Amino acid sequence: MNNGAVITNEDLKQKSPLWGAFYDFAVLDVGYTMTMPLKQVISGSFDTLSHCMETYFGSPRETNLSDEINEAVMRNVIQNMRATLKAPDDKFVRSELIWAAAMGENGILKLGKVTDFQCHMLEHQLGAYTDCNHGFGLAVIHPVLYRHIYKNAVSQFVKFAVNVWGVDPNGKTEDEVAKEGINALADFIKEMGLPTTFSEMGITDTDWKSIADSTIITGGCCKKLNKEELLDILIECK
């Protein structure tokens, strides 16, 4: 339900987005997904959550309708990922995930937003060098990346913790609440059986510096990371 795709140039080791014409119509038929391996359903669903987060942590960070809709979509994805593990053949649950995925990238959540997508850019280059599973790579990188950048948008991470993960802010500092939200994300990743390190994905060695050096630096990230910081994040993910 958007006009984007991703393509890899294997010779140059570059994985990049490309844009085309918008659709005239889109048919979201849940039946086509029912024979997918469950691990790929969970991987793709986490990618949906990632797209929502990458939009949410962009700017502006004042309370706005796009972010409030986004919070509802993220809660729905979390709920239905859990439900999918319990009932993989439930078509209603699967249809909710498809609808959430459509909302994650049909442009509605991005209205009025400058998006982040630094995690995606880093994972894309990881994929260009290792051909790894996209959702798995995002699951490993997100918590590590967020621990590096949350202090530059602490109020947004507080809203994420409280409104998406249900963290109780009473008696806690903003820093404590923000970190608790990131920890809730990390715990959810484990709960879903997604990897938490690159070694769990079978990636034990690659050209980490070249991955960092070739990663696009996005303008919407709350902290403009340099190549050295990207390399530090990759090393922490090992």
Protein backbone atom coordinates (compact mmCIF):
# COMPACT_ATOMS: atom_id res chain seq x y z
CA MET A 1 0.00 0.00 0.00
CA ASN A 2 2.80 2.42 -0.83
CA ASN A 3 5.05 3.24 -3.75
CA GLY A 4 8.32 2.04 -2.24
CA ALA A 5 10.58 -0.99 -2.58
CA VAL A 6 14.09 -1.99 -1.59
CA ILE A 7 16.73 -3.40 -3.92
CA THR A 8 20.26 -4.70 -3.35
CA ASN A 9 23.23 -4.17 -5.65
CA GLU A 10 25.22 -7.25 -4.72
CA ASP A 11 28.35 -6.12 -6.57
CA LEU A 12 28.53 -2.76 -4.80
CA LYS A 13 27.08 -4.10 -1.51
CA GLN A 14 24.42 -1.40 -1.39
CA LYS A 15 20.85 -1.98 -0.26
CA SER A 16 18.68 1.05 -0.94
CA PRO A 17 15.06 2.17 -1.24
CA LEU A 18 13.55 3.11 -4.59
CA TRP A 19 10.28 4.81 -5.45
CA GLY A 20 7.75 4.31 -8.22
CA ALA A 21 4.21 5.19 -9.16
CA PHE A 22 1.42 4.87 -6.61
CA TYR A 23 -1.08 2.04 -6.99
CA ASP A 24 -4.57 2.49 -8.43
CA PHE A 25 -5.91 0.03 -5.86
CA ALA A 26 -4.56 -2.59 -3.45
CA VAL A 27 -6.10 -5.93 -2.44
CA LEU A 28 -4.99 -7.08 1.01
CA ASP A 29 -5.99 -10.74 1.00
CA VAL A 30 -5.13 -12.48 4.26
CA GLY A 31 -5.35 -15.86 2.58
CA TYR A 32 -2.09 -15.30 0.73
CA THR A 33 -0.20 -15.09 4.02
CA MET A 34 -1.55 -18.20 5.71
CA THR A 35 1.06 -20.58 4.24
CA MET A 36 4.02 -18.40 5.19
CA PRO A 37 6.44 -19.82 7.78
CA LEU A 38 5.48 -18.51 11.20
CA LYS A 39 8.95 -17.07 11.82
CA GLN A 40 8.58 -14.94 8.68
CA VAL A 41 5.14 -13.73 9.80
CA ILE A 42 6.69 -12.62 13.09
CA SER A 43 9.68 -11.11 11.29
CA GLY A 44 7.46 -9.15 8.92
CA SER A 45 5.20 -8.06 11.75
CA PHE A 46 8.18 -6.73 13.67
CA ASP A 47 9.15 -4.80 10.55
CA THR A 48 5.70 -3.21 10.76
CA LEU A 49 6.39 -2.21 14.36
CA SER A 50 9.78 -0.91 13.29
CA HIS A 51 8.28 1.26 10.54
CA CYS A 52 5.86 2.71 13.09
CA MET A 53 8.68 3.44 15.55
CA GLU A 54 10.88 4.95 12.83
CA THR A 55 8.05 7.36 12.03
CA TYR A 56 7.11 8.01 15.67
CA PHE A 57 10.62 9.00 16.77
CA GLY A 58 10.99 11.51 13.97
CA SER A 59 10.00 15.13 14.43
CA PRO A 60 8.05 17.08 15.52
CA ARG A 61 7.81 15.51 18.97
CA GLU A 62 5.04 17.68 20.33
CA THR A 63 1.75 15.79 20.77
CA ASN A 64 0.16 15.41 17.34
CA LEU A 65 -2.60 13.35 15.74
CA SER A 66 -0.26 11.30 13.54
CA ASP A 67 1.67 10.10 16.60
CA GLU A 68 -1.51 9.35 18.54
CA ILE A 69 -2.81 7.19 15.68
CA ASN A 70 0.64 5.60 15.51
CA GLU A 71 0.50 4.64 19.19
CA ALA A 72 -2.75 2.78 18.54
CA VAL A 73 -1.23 0.96 15.56
CA MET A 74 1.83 -0.06 17.60
CA ARG A 75 -0.35 -1.38 20.43
CA ASN A 76 -2.36 -3.36 17.86
CA VAL A 77 0.77 -4.90 16.31
CA ILE A 78 2.10 -5.93 19.73
CA GLN A 79 -1.24 -7.44 20.73
CA ASN A 80 -1.66 -9.37 17.48
CA MET A 81 1.91 -10.60 17.30
CA ARG A 82 1.29 -12.21 20.67
CA ALA A 83 -2.03 -13.56 19.44
CA THR A 84 -0.40 -14.95 16.29
CA LEU A 85 2.02 -17.05 18.31
CA LYS A 86 -0.92 -18.51 20.24
CA ALA A 87 -3.16 -19.04 17.20
CA PRO A 88 -1.17 -18.98 13.92
CA ASP A 89 -4.24 -19.98 11.85
CA ASP A 90 -6.54 -17.25 13.18
CA LYS A 91 -7.48 -15.22 10.09
CA PHE A 92 -8.91 -12.34 12.11
CA VAL A 93 -5.61 -11.88 13.92
CA ARG A 94 -3.70 -12.11 10.65
CA SER A 95 -6.01 -9.58 9.00
CA GLU A 96 -5.36 -7.15 11.87
CA LEU A 97 -1.62 -7.49 11.27
CA ILE A 98 -2.08 -6.83 7.56
CA TRP A 99 -4.20 -3.76 8.25
CA ALA A 100 -1.61 -2.52 10.74
CA ALA A 101 1.15 -3.11 8.18
CA ALA A 102 -0.78 -1.09 5.62
CA MET A 103 -1.19 1.74 8.14
CA GLY A 104 2.51 1.58 8.93
CA GLU A 105 3.51 2.53 5.39
CA ASN A 106 0.52 4.00 3.53
CA GLY A 107 1.58 7.52 4.51
CA ILE A 108 -1.08 8.37 7.11
CA LEU A 109 1.24 8.06 10.11
CA LYS A 110 3.82 10.22 8.33
CA LEU A 111 1.55 13.22 7.81
CA GLY A 112 3.31 16.22 9.33
CA LYS A 113 6.35 14.11 10.30
CA VAL A 114 10.02 14.08 9.37
CA THR A 115 10.78 10.40 9.84
CA ASP A 116 13.81 8.73 11.47
CA PHE A 117 14.65 5.39 9.73
CA GLN A 118 18.26 5.32 10.96
CA CYS A 119 17.76 1.76 12.19
CA HIS A 120 16.47 0.74 8.77
CA MET A 121 19.42 2.30 6.98
CA LEU A 122 21.85 0.48 9.26
CA GLU A 123 20.03 -2.84 8.85
CA HIS A 124 19.85 -2.41 5.08
CA GLN A 125 23.62 -2.27 4.88
CA LEU A 126 23.91 -5.22 7.24
CA GLY A 127 21.67 -7.06 4.78
CA ALA A 128 23.79 -5.95 1.84
CA TYR A 129 26.87 -7.51 3.43
CA THR A 130 25.27 -10.61 5.02
CA ASP A 131 21.93 -11.26 3.22
CA CYS A 132 20.28 -11.51 6.65
CA ASN A 133 16.58 -11.61 7.49
CA HIS A 134 15.39 -7.99 7.59
CA GLY A 135 13.01 -8.20 10.56
CA PHE A 136 15.54 -10.19 12.57
CA GLY A 137 18.22 -7.57 11.97
CA LEU A 138 15.89 -4.77 13.02
CA ALA A 139 14.99 -6.65 16.21
CA VAL A 140 18.66 -6.85 17.19
CA ILE A 141 19.52 -3.24 16.36
CA HIS A 142 16.54 -1.29 17.69
CA PRO A 143 17.08 -1.58 21.48
CA VAL A 144 20.83 -0.96 21.17
CA LEU A 145 20.30 2.05 18.91
CA TYR A 146 17.61 3.49 21.18
CA ARG A 147 19.86 3.28 24.23
CA HIS A 148 22.33 5.42 22.29
CA ILE A 149 19.86 8.12 21.25
CA TYR A 150 16.96 8.30 23.74
CA LYS A 151 18.39 11.18 25.78
CA ASN A 152 18.10 13.42 22.71
CA ALA A 153 14.31 12.91 22.62
CA VAL A 154 13.57 11.73 26.14
CA SER A 155 10.02 13.12 26.24
CA GLN A 156 9.08 11.13 23.11
CA PHE A 157 10.56 7.96 24.59
CA VAL A 158 8.54 8.61 27.75
CA LYS A 159 5.33 8.80 25.70
CA PHE A 160 6.35 5.60 23.91
CA ALA A 161 6.90 3.85 27.25
CA VAL A 162 3.64 5.01 28.80
CA ASN A 163 1.24 5.03 25.83
CA VAL A 164 2.53 1.95 23.97
CA TRP A 165 3.99 -0.32 26.65
CA GLY A 166 1.87 0.74 29.63
CA VAL A 167 4.82 1.76 31.80
CA ASP A 168 3.71 3.41 35.06
CA PRO A 169 5.51 6.78 35.30
CA ASN A 170 4.55 7.51 38.92
CA GLY A 171 7.52 8.19 41.17
CA LYS A 172 10.03 7.82 38.34
CA THR A 173 12.23 10.27 36.49
CA GLU A 174 11.77 10.80 32.75
CA ASP A 175 15.06 9.00 32.18
CA GLU A 176 13.88 5.97 34.17
CA VAL A 177 10.57 5.81 32.31
CA ALA A 178 12.24 6.15 28.92
CA LYS A 179 14.69 3.34 29.69
CA GLU A 180 11.87 1.16 31.00
CA GLY A 181 10.08 1.57 27.65
CA ILE A 182 13.20 0.50 25.75
CA ASN A 183 13.56 -2.48 28.10
CA ALA A 184 9.91 -3.39 27.43
CA LEU A 185 10.67 -3.41 23.70
CA ALA A 186 13.73 -5.62 24.28
CA ASP A 187 11.70 -8.01 26.46
CA PHE A 188 8.99 -8.22 23.79
CA ILE A 189 11.59 -9.11 21.17
CA LYS A 190 12.72 -12.03 23.35
CA GLU A 191 9.11 -13.02 24.00
CA MET A 192 8.46 -13.23 20.25
CA GLY A 193 11.45 -15.53 19.79
CA LEU A 194 13.26 -12.93 17.71
CA PRO A 195 17.07 -12.75 17.92
CA THR A 196 18.75 -10.30 20.28
CA THR A 197 22.29 -10.54 18.88
CA PHE A 198 23.82 -10.95 15.43
CA SER A 199 25.47 -14.17 16.59
CA GLU A 200 21.99 -15.64 17.17
CA MET A 201 21.36 -14.90 13.48
CA GLY A 202 24.51 -16.78 12.49
CA ILE A 203 26.45 -13.57 11.80
CA THR A 204 29.69 -13.95 13.69
CA ASP A 205 32.05 -11.98 11.50
CA THR A 206 31.76 -9.52 8.62
CA ASP A 207 33.20 -6.15 7.60
CA TRP A 208 31.56 -4.11 10.36
CA LYS A 209 33.45 -0.91 9.53
CA SER A 210 32.41 -1.02 5.88
CA ILE A 211 28.79 -1.54 6.93
CA ALA A 212 28.95 1.51 9.20
CA ASP A 213 30.80 3.63 6.64
CA SER A 214 28.29 2.82 3.87
CA THR A 215 25.18 3.46 5.99
CA ILE A 216 23.09 6.49 5.04
CA ILE A 217 22.84 9.06 7.87
CA THR A 218 19.19 10.15 8.06
CA GLY A 219 18.08 13.67 8.87
CA GLY A 220 15.12 12.71 11.05
CA CYS A 221 16.98 10.80 13.77
CA CYS A 222 16.81 12.65 17.10
CA LYS A 223 20.60 12.33 17.37
CA LYS A 224 22.69 12.72 14.23
CA LEU A 225 24.99 9.73 14.56
CA ASN A 226 28.44 9.63 13.00
CA LYS A 227 30.09 6.61 11.39
CA GLU A 228 32.07 5.81 14.54
CA GLU A 229 28.87 5.67 16.62
CA LEU A 230 27.21 3.43 14.03
CA LEU A 231 30.21 1.09 14.25
CA ASP A 232 29.92 1.08 18.06
CA ILE A 233 26.23 0.13 17.77
CA LEU A 234 27.05 -2.73 15.37
CA ILE A 235 29.76 -4.05 17.68
CA GLU A 236 27.37 -3.93 20.66
CA CYS A 237 24.85 -5.95 18.64
CA LYS A 238 27.32 -8.81 18.03
